C-alpha atoms as a PDB file:
ATOM      1  CA  MET A   1       6.062 -50.265 140.199  1.00  0.00           C
ATOM      2  CA  ASN A   2       8.423 -48.336 137.938  1.00  0.00           C
ATOM      3  CA  TYR A   3       9.038 -49.652 134.458  1.00  0.00           C
ATOM      4  CA  VAL A   4      12.613 -50.521 133.540  1.00  0.00           C
ATOM      5  CA  HIS A   5      13.852 -49.891 130.024  1.00  0.00           C
ATOM      6  CA  LEU A   6      16.324 -52.125 128.209  1.00  0.00           C
ATOM      7  CA  PRO A   7      18.559 -49.449 126.622  1.00  0.00           C
ATOM      8  CA  LEU A   8      19.624 -48.223 130.090  1.00  0.00           C
ATOM      9  CA  LEU A   9      20.161 -51.767 131.302  1.00  0.00           C
ATOM     10  CA  PHE A  10      22.259 -52.648 128.272  1.00  0.00           C
ATOM     11  CA  ALA A  11      24.347 -49.516 128.768  1.00  0.00           C
ATOM     12  CA  VAL A  12      25.048 -50.565 132.350  1.00  0.00           C
ATOM     13  CA  ALA A  13      25.804 -54.116 131.212  1.00  0.00           C
ATOM     14  CA  LEU A  14      28.495 -52.796 128.882  1.00  0.00           C
ATOM     15  CA  LEU A  15      30.445 -51.562 131.894  1.00  0.00           C
ATOM     16  CA  SER A  16      31.017 -55.183 132.878  1.00  0.00           C
ATOM     17  CA  PRO A  17      33.860 -56.853 130.919  1.00  0.00           C
ATOM     18  CA  SER A  18      32.024 -60.181 130.535  1.00  0.00           C
ATOM     19  CA  PRO A  19      28.424 -60.830 131.582  1.00  0.00           C
ATOM     20  CA  SER A  20      27.970 -64.044 133.549  1.00  0.00           C
ATOM     21  CA  PHE A  21      24.796 -66.076 133.113  1.00  0.00           C
ATOM     22  CA  GLY A  22      23.149 -68.006 135.889  1.00  0.00           C
ATOM     23  CA  GLN A  23      19.967 -69.995 135.543  1.00  0.00           C
ATOM     24  CA  LEU A  24      17.303 -68.358 133.396  1.00  0.00           C
ATOM     25  CA  ASN A  25      13.804 -68.954 134.778  1.00  0.00           C
ATOM     26  CA  VAL A  26      11.104 -69.047 132.092  1.00  0.00           C
ATOM     27  CA  ILE A  27       7.357 -69.417 132.447  1.00  0.00           C
ATOM     28  CA  THR A  28       5.587 -70.271 129.197  1.00  0.00           C
ATOM     29  CA  SER A  29       2.021 -70.981 128.190  1.00  0.00           C
ATOM     30  CA  VAL A  30       0.982 -74.247 126.557  1.00  0.00           C
ATOM     31  CA  GLY A  31       0.340 -72.596 123.195  1.00  0.00           C
ATOM     32  CA  PHE A  32       4.031 -71.973 122.547  1.00  0.00           C
ATOM     33  CA  GLU A  33       5.239 -75.067 124.379  1.00  0.00           C
ATOM     34  CA  ALA A  34       5.874 -77.414 121.439  1.00  0.00           C
ATOM     35  CA  ALA A  35       8.117 -74.969 119.581  1.00  0.00           C
ATOM     36  CA  TYR A  36       9.735 -73.840 122.824  1.00  0.00           C
ATOM     37  CA  ASN A  37      10.663 -77.389 123.848  1.00  0.00           C
ATOM     38  CA  GLU A  38      12.430 -77.898 120.535  1.00  0.00           C
ATOM     39  CA  LEU A  39      14.211 -74.549 120.504  1.00  0.00           C
ATOM     40  CA  VAL A  40      15.404 -74.095 124.079  1.00  0.00           C
ATOM     41  CA  PRO A  41      18.030 -76.884 124.006  1.00  0.00           C
ATOM     42  CA  VAL A  42      19.528 -75.204 120.924  1.00  0.00           C
ATOM     43  CA  SER A  43      19.581 -71.856 122.696  1.00  0.00           C
ATOM     44  CA  GLU A  44      21.187 -73.400 125.782  1.00  0.00           C
ATOM     45  CA  LYS A  45      23.896 -75.035 123.685  1.00  0.00           C
ATOM     46  CA  ASN A  46      24.651 -71.990 121.544  1.00  0.00           C
ATOM     47  CA  GLY A  47      24.311 -69.330 124.206  1.00  0.00           C
ATOM     48  CA  GLY A  48      25.698 -71.020 127.273  1.00  0.00           C
ATOM     49  CA  ILE A  49      22.447 -70.447 129.138  1.00  0.00           C
ATOM     50  CA  THR A  50      20.857 -72.874 131.578  1.00  0.00           C
ATOM     51  CA  VAL A  51      17.064 -72.604 131.363  1.00  0.00           C
ATOM     52  CA  ALA A  52      14.532 -73.764 133.951  1.00  0.00           C
ATOM     53  CA  THR A  53      10.958 -73.839 132.678  1.00  0.00           C
ATOM     54  CA  LYS A  54       7.482 -73.870 134.182  1.00  0.00           C
ATOM     55  CA  HIS A  55       4.188 -74.069 132.265  1.00  0.00           C
ATOM     56  CA  PHE A  56       1.027 -72.201 133.195  1.00  0.00           C
ATOM     57  CA  ALA A  57      -2.001 -70.736 131.411  1.00  0.00           C
ATOM     58  CA  SER A  58      -1.876 -67.168 130.124  1.00  0.00           C
ATOM     59  CA  GLU A  59      -5.243 -66.129 131.524  1.00  0.00           C
ATOM     60  CA  SER A  60      -8.083 -67.446 133.671  1.00  0.00           C
ATOM     61  CA  SER A  61      -9.126 -67.455 137.295  1.00  0.00           C
ATOM     62  CA  GLY A  62      -7.252 -69.383 139.948  1.00  0.00           C
ATOM     63  CA  PRO A  63      -3.561 -69.790 140.766  1.00  0.00           C
ATOM     64  CA  ASP A  64      -2.457 -71.754 137.687  1.00  0.00           C
ATOM     65  CA  THR A  65      -1.896 -68.756 135.444  1.00  0.00           C
ATOM     66  CA  ILE A  66       1.237 -66.785 134.680  1.00  0.00           C
ATOM     67  CA  PRO A  67      -0.067 -63.510 136.170  1.00  0.00           C
ATOM     68  CA  ALA A  68      -1.133 -65.310 139.362  1.00  0.00           C
ATOM     69  CA  GLN A  69       2.261 -66.995 139.635  1.00  0.00           C
ATOM     70  CA  LEU A  70       4.111 -63.693 139.324  1.00  0.00           C
ATOM     71  CA  ARG A  71       1.837 -62.052 141.884  1.00  0.00           C
ATOM     72  CA  ALA A  72       2.646 -64.910 144.244  1.00  0.00           C
ATOM     73  CA  GLY A  73       6.372 -64.277 143.833  1.00  0.00           C
ATOM     74  CA  ALA A  74       7.340 -67.117 141.482  1.00  0.00           C
ATOM     75  CA  ALA A  75      10.903 -66.880 140.196  1.00  0.00           C
ATOM     76  CA  ALA A  76      10.780 -65.724 136.573  1.00  0.00           C
ATOM     77  CA  ASP A  77      13.064 -63.883 134.200  1.00  0.00           C
ATOM     78  CA  VAL A  78      11.112 -64.399 130.964  1.00  0.00           C
ATOM     79  CA  VAL A  79       7.426 -65.011 130.264  1.00  0.00           C
ATOM     80  CA  ILE A  80       5.961 -66.366 127.014  1.00  0.00           C
ATOM     81  CA  MET A  81       2.186 -66.130 126.798  1.00  0.00           C
ATOM     82  CA  SER A  82      -0.823 -64.803 124.924  1.00  0.00           C
ATOM     83  CA  LYS A  83      -0.603 -61.146 124.009  1.00  0.00           C
ATOM     84  CA  GLU A  84      -3.761 -60.519 126.048  1.00  0.00           C
ATOM     85  CA  GLY A  85      -2.186 -62.094 129.117  1.00  0.00           C
ATOM     86  CA  LEU A  86       0.987 -60.084 128.581  1.00  0.00           C
ATOM     87  CA  GLY A  87      -1.193 -56.976 128.507  1.00  0.00           C
ATOM     88  CA  VAL A  88      -2.300 -57.780 132.045  1.00  0.00           C
ATOM     89  CA  LEU A  89       1.330 -57.955 133.168  1.00  0.00           C
ATOM     90  CA  ARG A  90       2.082 -54.737 131.308  1.00  0.00           C
ATOM     91  CA  ALA A  91      -0.739 -52.947 133.139  1.00  0.00           C
ATOM     92  CA  GLU A  92       0.569 -54.229 136.476  1.00  0.00           C
ATOM     93  CA  GLY A  93       4.121 -53.098 135.732  1.00  0.00           C
ATOM     94  CA  ARG A  94       5.508 -56.633 135.858  1.00  0.00           C
ATOM     95  CA  ILE A  95       7.466 -56.641 132.586  1.00  0.00           C
ATOM     96  CA  ILE A  96      10.198 -54.552 130.990  1.00  0.00           C
ATOM     97  CA  LEU A  97       8.223 -52.681 128.346  1.00  0.00           C
ATOM     98  CA  ALA A  98      11.003 -52.439 125.768  1.00  0.00           C
ATOM     99  CA  SER A  99      11.577 -56.192 125.872  1.00  0.00           C
ATOM    100  CA  ALA A 100       8.102 -57.283 124.697  1.00  0.00           C
ATOM    101  CA  VAL A 101       8.157 -59.138 121.362  1.00  0.00           C
ATOM    102  CA  ASP A 102       5.435 -60.971 119.429  1.00  0.00           C
ATOM    103  CA  LEU A 103       6.844 -64.368 118.417  1.00  0.00           C
ATOM    104  CA  ALA A 104       4.132 -66.384 116.673  1.00  0.00           C
ATOM    105  CA  GLN A 105       0.449 -66.612 115.912  1.00  0.00           C
ATOM    106  CA  ALA A 106      -1.948 -69.533 115.755  1.00  0.00           C
ATOM    107  CA  ARG A 107      -5.527 -70.012 114.623  1.00  0.00           C
ATOM    108  CA  LEU A 108      -8.109 -71.850 116.699  1.00  0.00           C
ATOM    109  CA  GLY A 109      -8.769 -75.485 115.913  1.00  0.00           C
ATOM    110  CA  VAL A 110     -10.720 -78.535 117.060  1.00  0.00           C
ATOM    111  CA  ALA A 111      -9.455 -81.967 118.100  1.00  0.00           C
ATOM    112  CA  VAL A 112     -11.024 -85.236 119.288  1.00  0.00           C
ATOM    113  CA  ARG A 113      -9.841 -88.495 120.777  1.00  0.00           C
ATOM    114  CA  ALA A 114      -7.711 -90.428 118.280  1.00  0.00           C
ATOM    115  CA  GLY A 115      -9.735 -92.872 116.235  1.00  0.00           C
ATOM    116  CA  THR A 116     -13.147 -91.370 116.970  1.00  0.00           C
ATOM    117  CA  PRO A 117     -15.331 -89.851 114.216  1.00  0.00           C
ATOM    118  CA  LYS A 118     -14.375 -86.311 113.327  1.00  0.00           C
ATOM    119  CA  PRO A 119     -17.277 -83.867 113.604  1.00  0.00           C
ATOM    120  CA  ASP A 120     -18.284 -81.578 110.760  1.00  0.00           C
ATOM    121  CA  ILE A 121     -17.034 -78.059 111.503  1.00  0.00           C
ATOM    122  CA  SER A 122     -16.964 -76.801 107.912  1.00  0.00           C
ATOM    123  CA  THR A 123     -19.574 -74.083 108.485  1.00  0.00           C
ATOM    124  CA  VAL A 124     -20.728 -71.902 111.370  1.00  0.00           C
ATOM    125  CA  GLU A 125     -23.966 -73.886 111.615  1.00  0.00           C
ATOM    126  CA  ALA A 126     -22.106 -77.205 111.632  1.00  0.00           C
ATOM    127  CA  PHE A 127     -19.767 -75.890 114.334  1.00  0.00           C
ATOM    128  CA  ARG A 128     -22.780 -74.711 116.352  1.00  0.00           C
ATOM    129  CA  HIS A 129     -24.392 -78.152 116.134  1.00  0.00           C
ATOM    130  CA  MET A 130     -21.132 -79.778 117.233  1.00  0.00           C
ATOM    131  CA  LEU A 131     -21.067 -77.607 120.349  1.00  0.00           C
ATOM    132  CA  LEU A 132     -24.686 -78.439 121.150  1.00  0.00           C
ATOM    133  CA  ARG A 133     -24.198 -82.192 120.617  1.00  0.00           C
ATOM    134  CA  SER A 134     -20.932 -82.471 122.528  1.00  0.00           C
ATOM    135  CA  LYS A 135     -21.036 -83.664 126.123  1.00  0.00           C
ATOM    136  CA  SER A 136     -17.868 -81.848 127.208  1.00  0.00           C
ATOM    137  CA  ILE A 137     -15.395 -79.343 125.768  1.00  0.00           C
ATOM    138  CA  ASN A 138     -11.774 -78.693 126.683  1.00  0.00           C
ATOM    139  CA  ALA A 139     -10.989 -74.980 126.324  1.00  0.00           C
ATOM    140  CA  LEU A 140      -8.926 -72.863 128.677  1.00  0.00           C
ATOM    141  CA  SER A 141      -7.100 -69.600 129.183  1.00  0.00           C
ATOM    142  CA  THR A 142      -7.595 -66.980 126.448  1.00  0.00           C
ATOM    143  CA  THR A 143      -9.480 -69.453 124.228  1.00  0.00           C
ATOM    144  CA  GLY A 144     -11.906 -70.344 126.994  1.00  0.00           C
ATOM    145  CA  LEU A 145     -12.613 -66.682 127.651  1.00  0.00           C
ATOM    146  CA  TYR A 146     -13.141 -66.036 123.942  1.00  0.00           C
ATOM    147  CA  LEU A 147     -15.615 -68.914 123.659  1.00  0.00           C
ATOM    148  CA  THR A 148     -17.654 -68.021 126.711  1.00  0.00           C
ATOM    149  CA  GLU A 149     -17.632 -64.259 126.226  1.00  0.00           C
ATOM    150  CA  LYS A 150     -17.848 -63.988 122.413  1.00  0.00           C
ATOM    151  CA  VAL A 151     -18.600 -67.157 120.454  1.00  0.00           C
ATOM    152  CA  LEU A 152     -21.341 -68.787 122.513  1.00  0.00           C
ATOM    153  CA  PRO A 153     -23.357 -65.562 122.959  1.00  0.00           C
ATOM    154  CA  LYS A 154     -22.961 -64.831 119.235  1.00  0.00           C
ATOM    155  CA  LEU A 155     -24.305 -68.288 118.378  1.00  0.00           C
ATOM    156  CA  GLY A 156     -27.115 -67.954 120.913  1.00  0.00           C
ATOM    157  CA  ILE A 157     -26.129 -71.095 122.812  1.00  0.00           C
ATOM    158  CA  ALA A 158     -24.362 -69.767 125.910  1.00  0.00           C
ATOM    159  CA  GLY A 159     -26.974 -71.249 128.223  1.00  0.00           C
ATOM    160  CA  GLU A 160     -26.721 -74.716 126.689  1.00  0.00           C
ATOM    161  CA  VAL A 161     -22.953 -74.940 126.259  1.00  0.00           C
ATOM    162  CA  THR A 162     -21.093 -72.848 128.865  1.00  0.00           C
ATOM    163  CA  ASP A 163     -21.327 -75.501 131.580  1.00  0.00           C
ATOM    164  CA  LYS A 164     -19.820 -78.094 129.217  1.00  0.00           C
ATOM    165  CA  ILE A 165     -16.503 -76.253 129.093  1.00  0.00           C
ATOM    166  CA  LYS A 166     -13.892 -77.954 131.243  1.00  0.00           C
ATOM    167  CA  GLY A 167     -11.194 -75.329 131.586  1.00  0.00           C
ATOM    168  CA  GLY A 168      -9.261 -77.199 134.230  1.00  0.00           C
ATOM    169  CA  SER A 169      -8.819 -80.387 132.203  1.00  0.00           C
ATOM    170  CA  SER A 170      -5.859 -81.231 129.997  1.00  0.00           C
ATOM    171  CA  LEU A 171      -5.553 -82.706 126.527  1.00  0.00           C
ATOM    172  CA  ALA A 172      -4.853 -86.017 128.230  1.00  0.00           C
ATOM    173  CA  ALA A 173      -8.531 -85.996 129.235  1.00  0.00           C
ATOM    174  CA  VAL A 174      -9.441 -85.765 125.538  1.00  0.00           C
ATOM    175  CA  ALA A 175      -7.036 -88.586 124.666  1.00  0.00           C
ATOM    176  CA  THR A 176      -8.687 -90.871 127.236  1.00  0.00           C
ATOM    177  CA  GLY A 177     -12.223 -89.893 126.257  1.00  0.00           C
ATOM    178  CA  GLU A 178     -12.987 -88.199 129.556  1.00  0.00           C
ATOM    179  CA  VAL A 179     -13.591 -84.977 127.609  1.00  0.00           C
ATOM    180  CA  GLU A 180     -15.131 -85.214 124.141  1.00  0.00           C
ATOM    181  CA  ILE A 181     -13.581 -82.366 122.149  1.00  0.00           C
ATOM    182  CA  ALA A 182     -10.865 -79.745 122.495  1.00  0.00           C
ATOM    183  CA  ILE A 183     -10.969 -76.209 121.124  1.00  0.00           C
ATOM    184  CA  ARG A 184      -7.564 -74.584 121.365  1.00  0.00           C
ATOM    185  CA  PRO A 185      -4.908 -72.840 119.291  1.00  0.00           C
ATOM    186  CA  VAL A 186      -3.756 -75.220 116.553  1.00  0.00           C
ATOM    187  CA  SER A 187      -0.264 -75.212 118.089  1.00  0.00           C
ATOM    188  CA  GLU A 188      -1.670 -77.086 121.084  1.00  0.00           C
ATOM    189  CA  LEU A 189      -3.437 -79.730 118.977  1.00  0.00           C
ATOM    190  CA  VAL A 190      -1.104 -80.882 116.210  1.00  0.00           C
ATOM    191  CA  ASN A 191       1.416 -83.671 116.746  1.00  0.00           C
ATOM    192  CA  VAL A 192      -0.141 -84.619 120.103  1.00  0.00           C
ATOM    193  CA  PRO A 193      -0.368 -88.363 120.859  1.00  0.00           C
ATOM    194  CA  GLY A 194      -3.845 -89.653 121.566  1.00  0.00           C
ATOM    195  CA  ILE A 195      -5.814 -86.959 119.778  1.00  0.00           C
ATOM    196  CA  ASP A 196      -6.717 -86.250 116.150  1.00  0.00           C
ATOM    197  CA  PHE A 197      -6.750 -82.722 114.774  1.00  0.00           C
ATOM    198  CA  VAL A 198     -10.093 -82.077 113.061  1.00  0.00           C
ATOM    199  CA  GLY A 199      -9.405 -78.694 111.495  1.00  0.00           C
ATOM    200  CA  PRO A 200      -9.645 -74.954 112.060  1.00  0.00           C
ATOM    201  CA  VAL A 201     -12.683 -73.212 113.503  1.00  0.00           C
ATOM    202  CA  PRO A 202     -14.836 -71.598 110.753  1.00  0.00           C
ATOM    203  CA  GLU A 203     -13.430 -68.292 109.576  1.00  0.00           C
ATOM    204  CA  GLU A 204     -16.409 -66.262 110.823  1.00  0.00           C
ATOM    205  CA  LEU A 205     -15.664 -67.419 114.385  1.00  0.00           C
ATOM    206  CA  GLN A 206     -11.904 -67.587 114.095  1.00  0.00           C
ATOM    207  CA  TYR A 207      -9.564 -66.059 116.645  1.00  0.00           C
ATOM    208  CA  LEU A 208      -5.878 -65.438 116.063  1.00  0.00           C
ATOM    209  CA  SER A 209      -3.836 -66.153 119.167  1.00  0.00           C
ATOM    210  CA  ILE A 210      -0.587 -64.200 119.320  1.00  0.00           C
ATOM    211  CA  PHE A 211       2.148 -65.491 121.614  1.00  0.00           C
ATOM    212  CA  SER A 212       4.486 -62.870 123.001  1.00  0.00           C
ATOM    213  CA  ALA A 213       7.582 -62.856 125.189  1.00  0.00           C
ATOM    214  CA  ALA A 214       8.980 -60.316 127.618  1.00  0.00           C
ATOM    215  CA  ILE A 215      11.515 -59.981 130.399  1.00  0.00           C
ATOM    216  CA  VAL A 216      10.079 -59.764 133.893  1.00  0.00           C
ATOM    217  CA  ALA A 217      10.752 -56.504 135.736  1.00  0.00           C
ATOM    218  CA  GLY A 218      13.406 -57.013 138.381  1.00  0.00           C
ATOM    219  CA  SER A 219      15.096 -59.906 136.563  1.00  0.00           C
ATOM    220  CA  LYS A 220      18.809 -60.326 137.254  1.00  0.00           C
ATOM    221  CA  GLN A 221      19.265 -62.097 133.920  1.00  0.00           C
ATOM    222  CA  VAL A 222      18.209 -59.371 131.496  1.00  0.00           C
ATOM    223  CA  ASP A 223      20.967 -60.030 128.963  1.00  0.00           C
ATOM    224  CA  ALA A 224      20.387 -63.791 128.961  1.00  0.00           C
ATOM    225  CA  GLY A 225      16.646 -63.238 128.700  1.00  0.00           C
ATOM    226  CA  GLN A 226      17.088 -60.908 125.759  1.00  0.00           C
ATOM    227  CA  ARG A 227      19.318 -63.462 124.023  1.00  0.00           C
ATOM    228  CA  LEU A 228      16.671 -66.164 124.430  1.00  0.00           C
ATOM    229  CA  ILE A 229      13.846 -63.948 123.199  1.00  0.00           C
ATOM    230  CA  HIS A 230      15.919 -62.823 120.221  1.00  0.00           C
ATOM    231  CA  PHE A 231      16.601 -66.449 119.299  1.00  0.00           C
ATOM    232  CA  LEU A 232      12.928 -67.440 119.594  1.00  0.00           C
ATOM    233  CA  GLY A 233      12.036 -64.624 117.214  1.00  0.00           C
ATOM    234  CA  SER A 234      14.856 -65.288 114.735  1.00  0.00           C
ATOM    235  CA  GLU A 235      14.831 -67.020 111.362  1.00  0.00           C
ATOM    236  CA  GLU A 236      16.526 -70.009 113.004  1.00  0.00           C
ATOM    237  CA  ALA A 237      13.368 -70.609 115.038  1.00  0.00           C
ATOM    238  CA  GLU A 238      10.885 -70.390 112.165  1.00  0.00           C
ATOM    239  CA  ALA A 239      10.952 -74.077 111.181  1.00  0.00           C
ATOM    240  CA  ALA A 240      10.081 -75.227 114.711  1.00  0.00           C
ATOM    241  CA  ILE A 241       7.358 -72.592 114.990  1.00  0.00           C
ATOM    242  CA  ARG A 242       5.738 -73.664 111.713  1.00  0.00           C
ATOM    243  CA  LYS A 243       6.085 -77.343 112.601  1.00  0.00           C
ATOM    244  CA  SER A 244       4.035 -76.709 115.726  1.00  0.00           C
ATOM    245  CA  GLY A 245       1.150 -75.196 113.764  1.00  0.00           C
ATOM    246  CA  MET A 246       2.012 -71.527 114.203  1.00  0.00           C
ATOM    247  CA  VAL A 247       3.199 -68.740 111.906  1.00  0.00           C
ATOM    248  CA  PRO A 248       6.182 -66.584 112.908  1.00  0.00           C
ATOM    249  CA  VAL A 249       5.467 -62.934 113.672  1.00  0.00           C
ATOM    250  CA  LYS A 250       7.905 -60.194 112.753  1.00  0.00           C
ATOM    251  CA  SER A 251       6.917 -57.463 115.201  1.00  0.00           C
ATOM    252  CA  ARG A 252      10.232 -55.647 115.550  1.00  0.00           C
END
């Protein structure tokens, strides 16, 4: 698939006296969802854009991921996902290269069912013991891959813990007690009803998740998609991004 570059598209767009916007189809990962949900209504109001949104994981096996959805032909103009997941789309030629922008970053954290005792995760050894003692762990997408491929082998407990990871479960399962703990980007754990945020993963095991956006190759709403991405990366969006437990990224 040939890559499409924005400068040429913008030059063509200038030939039209007034661009008309239809519905903008966005697929976003859970990590950026809280900030996105707050910001999109503002963008719709200010930019005259109607946005339809779907939520899927950035990476993992199975059909419920953004790459799998695009391969299956899902309608999408803009994707917002982990930088690693976006790299997969880049390699497959599914995004407009010049449109890719890093929006925010989040550290990994731990959460438990609201009202239950918070485990000690202040040191690597304490975090290791928590993993060994826990009956089940909610971790998915890029975080799940990082845990199973990096953290657990490093701690020497892959054999004891890997099968405890419930990648297909949601935070609702943690809120009901069906799953004991969640390990996810902080942006997915703060301000969530039914769970209590414990704190960040120890620094020695920390992973910085970067959430990026790009326009999907073949989109008919390139200008509207660029407007949305620009807004999500602007100073106007910073308060919502910080409120959701992330830090804005100035990549361009």
